[in-house]
Amino acid sequence: REKNALMTVAQIAATFALTMAGWLFFRVSSMEQLGAM
């Protein structure tokens, strides 16, 4: 990983977004609910 501050922020933001997207699977109770969310 680069020690560049801008790259660090971009990596953290991307990881955060990917992780938050994954929590949708954790939260839903049906495929319809996932689609609606």
PDB file of all heavy atoms in Angstrom:
ATOM      1  N   ARG A   1       0.814  -1.202   0.000  1.00  0.00           N
ATOM      2  CA  ARG A   1       0.000   0.000   0.000  1.00  0.00           C
ATOM      3  C   ARG A   1       0.852   1.258   0.000  1.00  0.00           C
ATOM      4  O   ARG A   1       1.889   1.309   0.634  1.00  0.00           O
ATOM      5  CB  ARG A   1      -0.923   0.000   1.208  1.00  0.00           C
ATOM      6  CG  ARG A   1      -2.103  -0.888   0.905  1.00  0.00           C
ATOM      7  CD  ARG A   1      -3.099  -0.770   1.974  1.00  0.00           C
ATOM      8  NE  ARG A   1      -3.019  -2.066   2.618  1.00  0.00           N
ATOM      9  CZ  ARG A   1      -2.964  -2.257   3.899  1.00  0.00           C
ATOM     10  NH1 ARG A   1      -3.030  -1.269   4.711  1.00  0.00           N
ATOM     11  NH2 ARG A   1      -2.874  -3.447   4.393  1.00  0.00           N
ATOM     12  N   GLU A   2       0.373   2.238  -0.681  1.00  0.00           N
ATOM     13  CA  GLU A   2       1.088   3.503  -0.752  1.00  0.00           C
ATOM     14  C   GLU A   2       0.889   4.291   0.542  1.00  0.00           C
ATOM     15  O   GLU A   2      -0.120   4.165   1.213  1.00  0.00           O
ATOM     16  CB  GLU A   2       0.576   4.331  -1.929  1.00  0.00           C
ATOM     17  CG  GLU A   2       0.854   3.668  -3.263  1.00  0.00           C
ATOM     18  CD  GLU A   2       0.470   4.575  -4.411  1.00  0.00           C
ATOM     19  OE1 GLU A   2       0.591   5.804  -4.258  1.00  0.00           O
ATOM     20  OE2 GLU A   2       0.055   4.038  -5.443  1.00  0.00           O
ATOM     21  N   LYS A   3       1.864   5.137   0.851  1.00  0.00           N
ATOM     22  CA  LYS A   3       1.776   5.991   2.036  1.00  0.00           C
ATOM     23  C   LYS A   3       1.258   7.381   1.677  1.00  0.00           C
ATOM     24  O   LYS A   3       1.293   8.282   2.464  1.00  0.00           O
ATOM     25  CB  LYS A   3       3.142   6.098   2.719  1.00  0.00           C
ATOM     26  CG  LYS A   3       3.600   4.798   3.317  1.00  0.00           C
ATOM     27  CD  LYS A   3       2.711   4.419   4.487  1.00  0.00           C
ATOM     28  CE  LYS A   3       3.232   3.150   5.132  1.00  0.00           C
ATOM     29  NZ  LYS A   3       2.434   2.710   6.243  1.00  0.00           N
ATOM     30  N   ASN A   4       0.759   7.548   0.469  1.00  0.00           N
ATOM     31  CA  ASN A   4       0.199   8.794  -0.014  1.00  0.00           C
ATOM     32  C   ASN A   4      -1.119   9.058   0.727  1.00  0.00           C
ATOM     33  O   ASN A   4      -1.989   8.189   0.776  1.00  0.00           O
ATOM     34  CB  ASN A   4      -0.011   8.621  -1.522  1.00  0.00           C
ATOM     35  CG  ASN A   4      -0.701   9.780  -2.167  1.00  0.00           C
ATOM     36  OD1 ASN A   4      -1.572  10.417  -1.585  1.00  0.00           O
ATOM     37  ND2 ASN A   4      -0.328  10.034  -3.404  1.00  0.00           N
ATOM     38  N   ALA A   5      -1.287  10.247   1.292  1.00  0.00           N
ATOM     39  CA  ALA A   5      -2.480  10.564   2.088  1.00  0.00           C
ATOM     40  C   ALA A   5      -3.760  10.466   1.255  1.00  0.00           C
ATOM     41  O   ALA A   5      -4.765   9.930   1.721  1.00  0.00           O
ATOM     42  CB  ALA A   5      -2.352  11.953   2.689  1.00  0.00           C
ATOM     43  N   LEU A   6      -3.741  10.955   0.026  1.00  0.00           N
ATOM     44  CA  LEU A   6      -4.929  10.905  -0.827  1.00  0.00           C
ATOM     45  C   LEU A   6      -5.290   9.457  -1.155  1.00  0.00           C
ATOM     46  O   LEU A   6      -6.465   9.075  -1.118  1.00  0.00           O
ATOM     47  CB  LEU A   6      -4.702  11.715  -2.102  1.00  0.00           C
ATOM     48  CG  LEU A   6      -5.903  11.849  -3.028  1.00  0.00           C
ATOM     49  CD1 LEU A   6      -7.073  12.509  -2.298  1.00  0.00           C
ATOM     50  CD2 LEU A   6      -5.530  12.660  -4.254  1.00  0.00           C
ATOM     51  N   MET A   7      -4.293   8.639  -1.444  1.00  0.00           N
ATOM     52  CA  MET A   7      -4.536   7.223  -1.736  1.00  0.00           C
ATOM     53  C   MET A   7      -5.078   6.514  -0.482  1.00  0.00           C
ATOM     54  O   MET A   7      -5.977   5.678  -0.591  1.00  0.00           O
ATOM     55  CB  MET A   7      -3.252   6.544  -2.217  1.00  0.00           C
ATOM     56  CG  MET A   7      -3.456   5.088  -2.584  1.00  0.00           C
ATOM     57  SD  MET A   7      -4.667   4.829  -3.889  1.00  0.00           S
ATOM     58  CE  MET A   7      -3.719   5.237  -5.306  1.00  0.00           C
ATOM     59  N   THR A   8      -4.554   6.871   0.662  1.00  0.00           N
ATOM     60  CA  THR A   8      -5.029   6.286   1.920  1.00  0.00           C
ATOM     61  C   THR A   8      -6.505   6.590   2.119  1.00  0.00           C
ATOM     62  O   THR A   8      -7.302   5.702   2.431  1.00  0.00           O
ATOM     63  CB  THR A   8      -4.210   6.819   3.113  1.00  0.00           C
ATOM     64  OG1 THR A   8      -2.855   6.410   2.952  1.00  0.00           O
ATOM     65  CG2 THR A   8      -4.742   6.304   4.434  1.00  0.00           C
ATOM     66  N   VAL A   9      -6.889   7.834   1.918  1.00  0.00           N
ATOM     67  CA  VAL A   9      -8.291   8.229   2.071  1.00  0.00           C
ATOM     68  C   VAL A   9      -9.162   7.490   1.058  1.00  0.00           C
ATOM     69  O   VAL A   9     -10.249   7.001   1.396  1.00  0.00           O
ATOM     70  CB  VAL A   9      -8.445   9.765   1.935  1.00  0.00           C
ATOM     71  CG1 VAL A   9      -9.906  10.165   1.850  1.00  0.00           C
ATOM     72  CG2 VAL A   9      -7.773  10.462   3.110  1.00  0.00           C
ATOM     73  N   ALA A  10      -8.702   7.370  -0.171  1.00  0.00           N
ATOM     74  CA  ALA A  10      -9.468   6.660  -1.201  1.00  0.00           C
ATOM     75  C   ALA A  10      -9.630   5.182  -0.839  1.00  0.00           C
ATOM     76  O   ALA A  10     -10.720   4.613  -1.003  1.00  0.00           O
ATOM     77  CB  ALA A  10      -8.785   6.806  -2.557  1.00  0.00           C
ATOM     78  N   GLN A  11      -8.575   4.557  -0.343  1.00  0.00           N
ATOM     79  CA  GLN A  11      -8.644   3.146   0.048  1.00  0.00           C
ATOM     80  C   GLN A  11      -9.612   2.953   1.210  1.00  0.00           C
ATOM     81  O   GLN A  11     -10.407   2.007   1.214  1.00  0.00           O
ATOM     82  CB  GLN A  11      -7.256   2.626   0.426  1.00  0.00           C
ATOM     83  CG  GLN A  11      -6.328   2.480  -0.746  1.00  0.00           C
ATOM     84  CD  GLN A  11      -4.898   2.218  -0.316  1.00  0.00           C
ATOM     85  OE1 GLN A  11      -4.453   2.636   0.745  1.00  0.00           O
ATOM     86  NE2 GLN A  11      -4.159   1.516  -1.172  1.00  0.00           N
ATOM     87  N   ILE A  12      -9.554   3.840   2.178  1.00  0.00           N
ATOM     88  CA  ILE A  12     -10.453   3.743   3.333  1.00  0.00           C
ATOM     89  C   ILE A  12     -11.903   3.944   2.890  1.00  0.00           C
ATOM     90  O   ILE A  12     -12.795   3.193   3.299  1.00  0.00           O
ATOM     91  CB  ILE A  12     -10.064   4.774   4.415  1.00  0.00           C
ATOM     92  CG1 ILE A  12      -8.718   4.389   5.034  1.00  0.00           C
ATOM     93  CG2 ILE A  12     -11.143   4.873   5.492  1.00  0.00           C
ATOM     94  CD1 ILE A  12      -8.118   5.471   5.904  1.00  0.00           C
ATOM     95  N   ALA A  13     -12.134   4.936   2.040  1.00  0.00           N
ATOM     96  CA  ALA A  13     -13.494   5.201   1.557  1.00  0.00           C
ATOM     97  C   ALA A  13     -14.031   4.011   0.765  1.00  0.00           C
ATOM     98  O   ALA A  13     -15.197   3.614   0.934  1.00  0.00           O
ATOM     99  CB  ALA A  13     -13.516   6.472   0.709  1.00  0.00           C
ATOM    100  N   ALA A  14     -13.204   3.417  -0.089  1.00  0.00           N
ATOM    101  CA  ALA A  14     -13.643   2.262  -0.880  1.00  0.00           C
ATOM    102  C   ALA A  14     -13.945   1.069   0.028  1.00  0.00           C
ATOM    103  O   ALA A  14     -14.972   0.392  -0.141  1.00  0.00           O
ATOM    104  CB  ALA A  14     -12.583   1.891  -1.912  1.00  0.00           C
ATOM    105  N   THR A  15     -13.087   0.823   0.998  1.00  0.00           N
ATOM    106  CA  THR A  15     -13.317  -0.288   1.922  1.00  0.00           C
ATOM    107  C   THR A  15     -14.584  -0.047   2.736  1.00  0.00           C
ATOM    108  O   THR A  15     -15.387  -0.968   2.936  1.00  0.00           O
ATOM    109  CB  THR A  15     -12.109  -0.469   2.862  1.00  0.00           C
ATOM    110  OG1 THR A  15     -10.955  -0.735   2.060  1.00  0.00           O
ATOM    111  CG2 THR A  15     -12.328  -1.600   3.843  1.00  0.00           C
ATOM    112  N   PHE A  16     -14.781   1.182   3.164  1.00  0.00           N
ATOM    113  CA  PHE A  16     -15.987   1.525   3.920  1.00  0.00           C
ATOM    114  C   PHE A  16     -17.235   1.272   3.080  1.00  0.00           C
ATOM    115  O   PHE A  16     -18.190   0.644   3.539  1.00  0.00           O
ATOM    116  CB  PHE A  16     -15.918   2.988   4.371  1.00  0.00           C
ATOM    117  CG  PHE A  16     -17.103   3.428   5.159  1.00  0.00           C
ATOM    118  CD1 PHE A  16     -17.225   3.092   6.497  1.00  0.00           C
ATOM    119  CD2 PHE A  16     -18.111   4.184   4.574  1.00  0.00           C
ATOM    120  CE1 PHE A  16     -18.324   3.498   7.242  1.00  0.00           C
ATOM    121  CE2 PHE A  16     -19.206   4.595   5.302  1.00  0.00           C
ATOM    122  CZ  PHE A  16     -19.316   4.249   6.639  1.00  0.00           C
ATOM    123  N   ALA A  17     -17.222   1.737   1.838  1.00  0.00           N
ATOM    124  CA  ALA A  17     -18.384   1.561   0.957  1.00  0.00           C
ATOM    125  C   ALA A  17     -18.651   0.080   0.690  1.00  0.00           C
ATOM    126  O   ALA A  17     -19.810  -0.364   0.735  1.00  0.00           O
ATOM    127  CB  ALA A  17     -18.166   2.313  -0.356  1.00  0.00           C
ATOM    128  N   LEU A  18     -17.610  -0.681   0.417  1.00  0.00           N
ATOM    129  CA  LEU A  18     -17.787  -2.119   0.171  1.00  0.00           C
ATOM    130  C   LEU A  18     -18.321  -2.831   1.413  1.00  0.00           C
ATOM    131  O   LEU A  18     -19.184  -3.711   1.316  1.00  0.00           O
ATOM    132  CB  LEU A  18     -16.457  -2.747  -0.266  1.00  0.00           C
ATOM    133  CG  LEU A  18     -15.972  -2.365  -1.652  1.00  0.00           C
ATOM    134  CD1 LEU A  18     -14.532  -2.824  -1.863  1.00  0.00           C
ATOM    135  CD2 LEU A  18     -16.887  -2.940  -2.725  1.00  0.00           C
ATOM    136  N   THR A  19     -17.823  -2.455   2.570  1.00  0.00           N
ATOM    137  CA  THR A  19     -18.281  -3.083   3.812  1.00  0.00           C
ATOM    138  C   THR A  19     -19.733  -2.719   4.091  1.00  0.00           C
ATOM    139  O   THR A  19     -20.540  -3.588   4.468  1.00  0.00           O
ATOM    140  CB  THR A  19     -17.379  -2.647   4.988  1.00  0.00           C
ATOM    141  OG1 THR A  19     -16.025  -2.993   4.672  1.00  0.00           O
ATOM    142  CG2 THR A  19     -17.779  -3.346   6.271  1.00  0.00           C
ATOM    143  N   MET A  20     -20.088  -1.458   3.889  1.00  0.00           N
ATOM    144  CA  MET A  20     -21.479  -1.049   4.105  1.00  0.00           C
ATOM    145  C   MET A  20     -22.420  -1.772   3.146  1.00  0.00           C
ATOM    146  O   MET A  20     -23.523  -2.174   3.530  1.00  0.00           O
ATOM    147  CB  MET A  20     -21.630   0.466   3.930  1.00  0.00           C
ATOM    148  CG  MET A  20     -20.986   1.294   5.021  1.00  0.00           C
ATOM    149  SD  MET A  20     -21.714   0.996   6.646  1.00  0.00           S
ATOM    150  CE  MET A  20     -20.428   0.062   7.426  1.00  0.00           C
ATOM    151  N   ALA A  21     -21.992  -1.960   1.911  1.00  0.00           N
ATOM    152  CA  ALA A  21     -22.812  -2.702   0.954  1.00  0.00           C
ATOM    153  C   ALA A  21     -23.019  -4.132   1.443  1.00  0.00           C
ATOM    154  O   ALA A  21     -24.110  -4.696   1.302  1.00  0.00           O
ATOM    155  CB  ALA A  21     -22.160  -2.691  -0.430  1.00  0.00           C
ATOM    156  N   GLY A  22     -22.007  -4.712   2.029  1.00  0.00           N
ATOM    157  CA  GLY A  22     -22.123  -6.073   2.558  1.00  0.00           C
ATOM    158  C   GLY A  22     -23.110  -6.192   3.700  1.00  0.00           C
ATOM    159  O   GLY A  22     -23.757  -7.230   3.874  1.00  0.00           O
ATOM    160  N   TRP A  23     -23.253  -5.121   4.480  1.00  0.00           N
ATOM    161  CA  TRP A  23     -24.202  -5.177   5.597  1.00  0.00           C
ATOM    162  C   TRP A  23     -25.646  -5.265   5.111  1.00  0.00           C
ATOM    163  O   TRP A  23     -26.523  -5.693   5.864  1.00  0.00           O
ATOM    164  CB  TRP A  23     -24.031  -3.970   6.524  1.00  0.00           C
ATOM    165  CG  TRP A  23     -22.768  -4.057   7.340  1.00  0.00           C
ATOM    166  CD1 TRP A  23     -21.750  -3.146   7.359  1.00  0.00           C
ATOM    167  CD2 TRP A  23     -22.381  -5.102   8.242  1.00  0.00           C
ATOM    168  NE1 TRP A  23     -20.759  -3.579   8.204  1.00  0.00           N
ATOM    169  CE2 TRP A  23     -21.131  -4.771   8.764  1.00  0.00           C
ATOM    170  CE3 TRP A  23     -22.978  -6.294   8.646  1.00  0.00           C
ATOM    171  CZ2 TRP A  23     -20.459  -5.587   9.674  1.00  0.00           C
ATOM    172  CZ3 TRP A  23     -22.301  -7.102   9.551  1.00  0.00           C
ATOM    173  CH2 TRP A  23     -21.065  -6.744  10.051  1.00  0.00           C
ATOM    174  N   LEU A  24     -25.893  -4.875   3.861  1.00  0.00           N
ATOM    175  CA  LEU A  24     -27.249  -5.048   3.323  1.00  0.00           C
ATOM    176  C   LEU A  24     -27.635  -6.525   3.339  1.00  0.00           C
ATOM    177  O   LEU A  24     -28.761  -6.873   3.699  1.00  0.00           O
ATOM    178  CB  LEU A  24     -27.340  -4.504   1.893  1.00  0.00           C
ATOM    179  CG  LEU A  24     -27.234  -2.995   1.734  1.00  0.00           C
ATOM    180  CD1 LEU A  24     -27.228  -2.626   0.264  1.00  0.00           C
ATOM    181  CD2 LEU A  24     -28.357  -2.295   2.471  1.00  0.00           C
ATOM    182  N   PHE A  25     -26.725  -7.405   2.948  1.00  0.00           N
ATOM    183  CA  PHE A  25     -27.011  -8.843   2.987  1.00  0.00           C
ATOM    184  C   PHE A  25     -27.327  -9.292   4.415  1.00  0.00           C
ATOM    185  O   PHE A  25     -28.188 -10.133   4.636  1.00  0.00           O
ATOM    186  CB  PHE A  25     -25.814  -9.658   2.478  1.00  0.00           C
ATOM    187  CG  PHE A  25     -25.539  -9.488   1.029  1.00  0.00           C
ATOM    188  CD1 PHE A  25     -24.358  -8.898   0.597  1.00  0.00           C
ATOM    189  CD2 PHE A  25     -26.434  -9.923   0.067  1.00  0.00           C
ATOM    190  CE1 PHE A  25     -24.084  -8.745  -0.747  1.00  0.00           C
ATOM    191  CE2 PHE A  25     -26.179  -9.783  -1.280  1.00  0.00           C
ATOM    192  CZ  PHE A  25     -24.998  -9.188  -1.682  1.00  0.00           C
ATOM    193  N   PHE A  26     -26.587  -8.735   5.352  1.00  0.00           N
ATOM    194  CA  PHE A  26     -26.756  -9.116   6.749  1.00  0.00           C
ATOM    195  C   PHE A  26     -28.125  -8.696   7.273  1.00  0.00           C
ATOM    196  O   PHE A  26     -28.715  -9.369   8.102  1.00  0.00           O
ATOM    197  CB  PHE A  26     -25.648  -8.455   7.577  1.00  0.00           C
ATOM    198  CG  PHE A  26     -25.312  -9.180   8.831  1.00  0.00           C
ATOM    199  CD1 PHE A  26     -24.413 -10.230   8.809  1.00  0.00           C
ATOM    200  CD2 PHE A  26     -25.867  -8.808  10.036  1.00  0.00           C
ATOM    201  CE1 PHE A  26     -24.077 -10.902   9.958  1.00  0.00           C
ATOM    202  CE2 PHE A  26     -25.546  -9.472  11.192  1.00  0.00           C
ATOM    203  CZ  PHE A  26     -24.649 -10.524  11.158  1.00  0.00           C
ATOM    204  N   ARG A  27     -28.631  -7.597   6.787  1.00  0.00           N
ATOM    205  CA  ARG A  27     -29.852  -6.977   7.314  1.00  0.00           C
ATOM    206  C   ARG A  27     -31.152  -7.526   6.735  1.00  0.00           C
ATOM    207  O   ARG A  27     -32.160  -7.596   7.417  1.00  0.00           O
ATOM    208  CB  ARG A  27     -29.761  -5.464   7.048  1.00  0.00           C
ATOM    209  CG  ARG A  27     -31.007  -4.670   7.277  1.00  0.00           C
ATOM    210  CD  ARG A  27     -31.332  -4.558   8.750  1.00  0.00           C
ATOM    211  NE  ARG A  27     -32.456  -3.710   8.997  1.00  0.00           N
ATOM    212  CZ  ARG A  27     -33.721  -4.094   8.966  1.00  0.00           C
ATOM    213  NH1 ARG A  27     -34.037  -5.320   8.666  1.00  0.00           N
ATOM    214  NH2 ARG A  27     -34.680  -3.239   9.228  1.00  0.00           N
ATOM    215  N   VAL A  28     -31.148  -7.893   5.447  1.00  0.00           N
ATOM    216  CA  VAL A  28     -32.399  -8.219   4.758  1.00  0.00           C
ATOM    217  C   VAL A  28     -32.934  -9.597   5.140  1.00  0.00           C
ATOM    218  O   VAL A  28     -32.210 -10.455   5.620  1.00  0.00           O
ATOM    219  CB  VAL A  28     -32.241  -8.144   3.222  1.00  0.00           C
ATOM    220  CG1 VAL A  28     -31.842  -6.756   2.789  1.00  0.00           C
ATOM    221  CG2 VAL A  28     -31.254  -9.181   2.712  1.00  0.00           C
ATOM    222  N   SER A  29     -34.232  -9.760   4.909  1.00  0.00           N
ATOM    223  CA  SER A  29     -34.851 -11.063   5.184  1.00  0.00           C
ATOM    224  C   SER A  29     -35.384 -11.716   3.907  1.00  0.00           C
ATOM    225  O   SER A  29     -35.852 -12.837   3.951  1.00  0.00           O
ATOM    226  CB  SER A  29     -35.982 -10.907   6.207  1.00  0.00           C
ATOM    227  OG  SER A  29     -36.937  -9.985   5.746  1.00  0.00           O
ATOM    228  N   SER A  30     -35.299 -11.004   2.779  1.00  0.00           N
ATOM    229  CA  SER A  30     -35.743 -11.588   1.511  1.00  0.00           C
ATOM    230  C   SER A  30     -35.025 -10.887   0.360  1.00  0.00           C
ATOM    231  O   SER A  30     -34.513  -9.778   0.515  1.00  0.00           O
ATOM    232  CB  SER A  30     -37.258 -11.428   1.345  1.00  0.00           C
ATOM    233  OG  SER A  30     -37.588 -10.071   1.132  1.00  0.00           O
ATOM    234  N   MET A  31     -35.036 -11.551  -0.781  1.00  0.00           N
ATOM    235  CA  MET A  31     -34.428 -10.954  -1.967  1.00  0.00           C
ATOM    236  C   MET A  31     -35.200  -9.711  -2.399  1.00  0.00           C
ATOM    237  O   MET A  31     -34.604  -8.748  -2.880  1.00  0.00           O
ATOM    238  CB  MET A  31     -34.391 -11.970  -3.121  1.00  0.00           C
ATOM    239  CG  MET A  31     -33.374 -13.070  -2.926  1.00  0.00           C
ATOM    240  SD  MET A  31     -31.696 -12.443  -2.737  1.00  0.00           S
ATOM    241  CE  MET A  31     -31.279 -12.086  -4.429  1.00  0.00           C
ATOM    242  N   GLU A  32     -36.515  -9.703  -2.208  1.00  0.00           N
ATOM    243  CA  GLU A  32     -37.323  -8.536  -2.556  1.00  0.00           C
ATOM    244  C   GLU A  32     -36.904  -7.339  -1.707  1.00  0.00           C
ATOM    245  O   GLU A  32     -36.798  -6.221  -2.203  1.00  0.00           O
ATOM    246  CB  GLU A  32     -38.817  -8.825  -2.369  1.00  0.00           C
ATOM    247  CG  GLU A  32     -39.378  -9.841  -3.342  1.00  0.00           C
ATOM    248  CD  GLU A  32     -39.040 -11.294  -2.973  1.00  0.00           C
ATOM    249  OE1 GLU A  32     -38.778 -11.580  -1.775  1.00  0.00           O
ATOM    250  OE2 GLU A  32     -39.012 -12.132  -3.878  1.00  0.00           O
ATOM    251  N   GLN A  33     -36.682  -7.599  -0.428  1.00  0.00           N
ATOM    252  CA  GLN A  33     -36.267  -6.520   0.458  1.00  0.00           C
ATOM    253  C   GLN A  33     -34.883  -6.001   0.055  1.00  0.00           C
ATOM    254  O   GLN A  33     -34.650  -4.795   0.057  1.00  0.00           O
ATOM    255  CB  GLN A  33     -36.249  -6.995   1.912  1.00  0.00           C
ATOM    256  CG  GLN A  33     -36.006  -5.880   2.892  1.00  0.00           C
ATOM    257  CD  GLN A  33     -36.007  -6.363   4.329  1.00  0.00           C
ATOM    258  OE1 GLN A  33     -35.750  -7.527   4.620  1.00  0.00           O
ATOM    259  NE2 GLN A  33     -36.297  -5.446   5.242  1.00  0.00           N
ATOM    260  N   LEU A  34     -33.987  -6.896  -0.317  1.00  0.00           N
ATOM    261  CA  LEU A  34     -32.660  -6.484  -0.783  1.00  0.00           C
ATOM    262  C   LEU A  34     -32.790  -5.614  -2.028  1.00  0.00           C
ATOM    263  O   LEU A  34     -32.176  -4.544  -2.112  1.00  0.00           O
ATOM    264  CB  LEU A  34     -31.785  -7.705  -1.080  1.00  0.00           C
ATOM    265  CG  LEU A  34     -30.392  -7.416  -1.632  1.00  0.00           C
ATOM    266  CD1 LEU A  34     -29.556  -6.639  -0.627  1.00  0.00           C
ATOM    267  CD2 LEU A  34     -29.700  -8.712  -2.019  1.00  0.00           C
ATOM    268  N   GLY A  35     -33.610  -6.049  -2.987  1.00  0.00           N
ATOM    269  CA  GLY A  35     -33.822  -5.267  -4.202  1.00  0.00           C
ATOM    270  C   GLY A  35     -34.396  -3.894  -3.901  1.00  0.00           C
ATOM    271  O   GLY A  35     -33.964  -2.887  -4.474  1.00  0.00           O
ATOM    272  N   ALA A  36     -35.365  -3.848  -2.982  1.00  0.00           N
ATOM    273  CA  ALA A  36     -35.979  -2.561  -2.625  1.00  0.00           C
ATOM    274  C   ALA A  36     -34.965  -1.640  -1.952  1.00  0.00           C
ATOM    275  O   ALA A  36     -34.928  -0.439  -2.244  1.00  0.00           O
ATOM    276  CB  ALA A  36     -37.176  -2.797  -1.703  1.00  0.00           C
ATOM    277  N   MET A  37     -34.135  -2.195  -1.083  1.00  0.00           N
ATOM    278  CA  MET A  37     -33.135  -1.369  -0.397  1.00  0.00           C
ATOM    279  C   MET A  37     -32.110  -0.812  -1.387  1.00  0.00           C
ATOM    280  O   MET A  37     -31.777   0.371  -1.333  1.00  0.00           O
ATOM    281  CB  MET A  37     -32.442  -2.170   0.704  1.00  0.00           C
ATOM    282  CG  MET A  37     -33.337  -2.441   1.896  1.00  0.00           C
ATOM    283  SD  MET A  37     -32.545  -3.506   3.105  1.00  0.00           S
ATOM    284  CE  MET A  37     -31.613  -2.294   4.014  1.00  0.00           C
TER     285      MET A  37
END
